C-alpha atoms as a PDB file:
ATOM      1  CA  MET A   1      43.846  53.397   1.435  1.00  0.00           C
ATOM      2  CA  ILE A   2      47.093  51.955   1.234  1.00  0.00           C
ATOM      3  CA  ASN A   3      50.031  53.105   0.301  1.00  0.00           C
ATOM      4  CA  LEU A   4      51.443  53.410  -2.947  1.00  0.00           C
ATOM      5  CA  ASP A   5      55.212  53.180  -2.100  1.00  0.00           C
ATOM      6  CA  SER A   6      53.855  49.554  -0.466  1.00  0.00           C
ATOM      7  CA  LEU A   7      52.448  48.942  -3.995  1.00  0.00           C
ATOM      8  CA  ASP A   8      55.184  49.621  -5.596  1.00  0.00           C
ATOM      9  CA  ASN A   9      57.797  47.379  -3.582  1.00  0.00           C
ATOM     10  CA  LEU A  10      55.268  44.745  -3.721  1.00  0.00           C
ATOM     11  CA  ALA A  11      54.814  44.957  -7.417  1.00  0.00           C
ATOM     12  CA  HIS A  12      58.544  44.431  -8.110  1.00  0.00           C
ATOM     13  CA  LYS A  13      59.526  42.434  -5.748  1.00  0.00           C
ATOM     14  CA  LEU A  14      56.233  40.177  -7.730  1.00  0.00           C
ATOM     15  CA  SER A  15      58.168  41.003 -10.097  1.00  0.00           C
ATOM     16  CA  GLN A  16      61.581  39.766  -9.299  1.00  0.00           C
ATOM     17  CA  ALA A  17      60.213  36.051  -8.894  1.00  0.00           C
ATOM     18  CA  LEU A  18      59.433  35.531 -12.406  1.00  0.00           C
ATOM     19  CA  PRO A  19      61.303  33.300 -13.868  1.00  0.00           C
ATOM     20  CA  PRO A  20      64.189  34.882 -15.947  1.00  0.00           C
ATOM     21  CA  SER A  21      62.154  33.890 -19.555  1.00  0.00           C
ATOM     22  CA  LEU A  22      59.527  36.744 -18.868  1.00  0.00           C
ATOM     23  CA  LYS A  23      62.633  39.325 -17.706  1.00  0.00           C
ATOM     24  CA  GLU A  24      62.019  41.155 -20.643  1.00  0.00           C
ATOM     25  CA  THR A  25      58.980  41.999 -20.371  1.00  0.00           C
ATOM     26  CA  LYS A  26      59.500  42.927 -16.388  1.00  0.00           C
ATOM     27  CA  LYS A  27      58.237  46.648 -16.501  1.00  0.00           C
ATOM     28  CA  ASP A  28      54.767  45.778 -18.360  1.00  0.00           C
ATOM     29  CA  ILE A  29      54.469  42.856 -15.277  1.00  0.00           C
ATOM     30  CA  GLU A  30      54.907  45.016 -12.875  1.00  0.00           C
ATOM     31  CA  GLU A  31      52.816  47.945 -14.019  1.00  0.00           C
ATOM     32  CA  ASN A  32      50.495  45.053 -14.545  1.00  0.00           C
ATOM     33  CA  PHE A  33      50.549  43.725 -11.086  1.00  0.00           C
ATOM     34  CA  LYS A  34      50.420  47.290  -9.699  1.00  0.00           C
ATOM     35  CA  VAL A  35      47.059  47.895 -10.991  1.00  0.00           C
ATOM     36  CA  ILE A  36      46.233  44.371 -10.058  1.00  0.00           C
ATOM     37  CA  LEU A  37      46.589  45.111  -6.554  1.00  0.00           C
ATOM     38  CA  GLN A  38      44.993  48.684  -6.415  1.00  0.00           C
ATOM     39  CA  ALA A  39      42.114  46.885  -7.372  1.00  0.00           C
ATOM     40  CA  THR A  40      42.142  43.926  -4.809  1.00  0.00           C
ATOM     41  CA  PHE A  41      42.887  46.362  -2.251  1.00  0.00           C
ATOM     42  CA  ALA A  42      40.444  48.709  -3.060  1.00  0.00           C
ATOM     43  CA  LYS A  43      37.761  45.877  -3.450  1.00  0.00           C
ATOM     44  CA  MET A  44      38.664  44.712   0.380  1.00  0.00           C
ATOM     45  CA  ASN A  45      37.505  48.002   1.543  1.00  0.00           C
ATOM     46  CA  LEU A  46      41.024  48.356   3.430  1.00  0.00           C
ATOM     47  CA  VAL A  47      41.109  51.596   5.941  1.00  0.00           C
ATOM     48  CA  THR A  48      44.668  52.981   6.884  1.00  0.00           C
ATOM     49  CA  ARG A  49      46.574  52.375   9.662  1.00  0.00           C
ATOM     50  CA  GLU A  50      46.033  55.817  11.103  1.00  0.00           C
ATOM     51  CA  GLU A  51      42.383  56.242  10.278  1.00  0.00           C
ATOM     52  CA  PHE A  52      42.363  52.553  12.765  1.00  0.00           C
ATOM     53  CA  ASP A  53      43.890  54.025  15.473  1.00  0.00           C
ATOM     54  CA  ARG A  54      41.714  57.350  14.966  1.00  0.00           C
ATOM     55  CA  GLN A  55      38.062  54.762  14.731  1.00  0.00           C
ATOM     56  CA  THR A  56      39.866  52.848  17.672  1.00  0.00           C
ATOM     57  CA  ALA A  57      40.628  56.363  19.961  1.00  0.00           C
ATOM     58  CA  LEU A  58      36.480  57.252  19.188  1.00  0.00           C
ATOM     59  CA  LEU A  59      35.804  53.957  20.461  1.00  0.00           C
ATOM     60  CA  GLU A  60      37.837  53.885  23.881  1.00  0.00           C
ATOM     61  CA  LYS A  61      36.650  57.933  24.714  1.00  0.00           C
ATOM     62  CA  ALA A  62      33.249  56.583  23.588  1.00  0.00           C
ATOM     63  CA  ARG A  63      33.282  53.962  25.869  1.00  0.00           C
ATOM     64  CA  GLU A  64      34.100  56.015  29.213  1.00  0.00           C
ATOM     65  CA  LYS A  65      31.853  58.583  27.974  1.00  0.00           C
ATOM     66  CA  LEU A  66      29.166  55.539  28.960  1.00  0.00           C
ATOM     67  CA  ALA A  67      30.926  54.331  31.613  1.00  0.00           C
ATOM     68  CA  ALA A  68      30.499  57.624  33.308  1.00  0.00           C
ATOM     69  CA  LEU A  69      27.021  58.053  32.568  1.00  0.00           C
ATOM     70  CA  GLU A  70      26.142  54.246  33.808  1.00  0.00           C
ATOM     71  CA  LYS A  71      27.799  55.229  36.729  1.00  0.00           C
ATOM     72  CA  LYS A  72      25.614  58.439  36.959  1.00  0.00           C
ATOM     73  CA  LEU A  73      22.699  56.846  36.850  1.00  0.00           C
ATOM     74  CA  ASP A  74      23.239  54.101  39.372  1.00  0.00           C
ATOM     75  CA  GLU A  75      23.823  56.658  41.652  1.00  0.00           C
ATOM     76  CA  LEU A  76      20.551  58.643  41.026  1.00  0.00           C
ATOM     77  CA  PRO A  77      17.882  57.598  43.812  1.00  0.00           C
END
C-alpha cells in the first residue's frame, strides 16, 4: 500500500491549492482529500516499490531456472 506520509503530503498540497475563501475549512478539506485518496489508491490495487522489486527478483530467478532447465533438455540425447 502507499505510504501514509505521502498521502498526507499530497492532501496538504491539494488543500494549499484551494482558494483563500476555503482556507477556513482547510483541515476538514485536507482530511477529506486524504480519505478520498486512500480509497482511490485502494481501488487501484497498487503495490509498494519494495513488493514490486521483490516480485521482479523472483521472476528473474524463475527465468534463470527455466533457461537452465531448457539447456539441460537440449543436451539430452
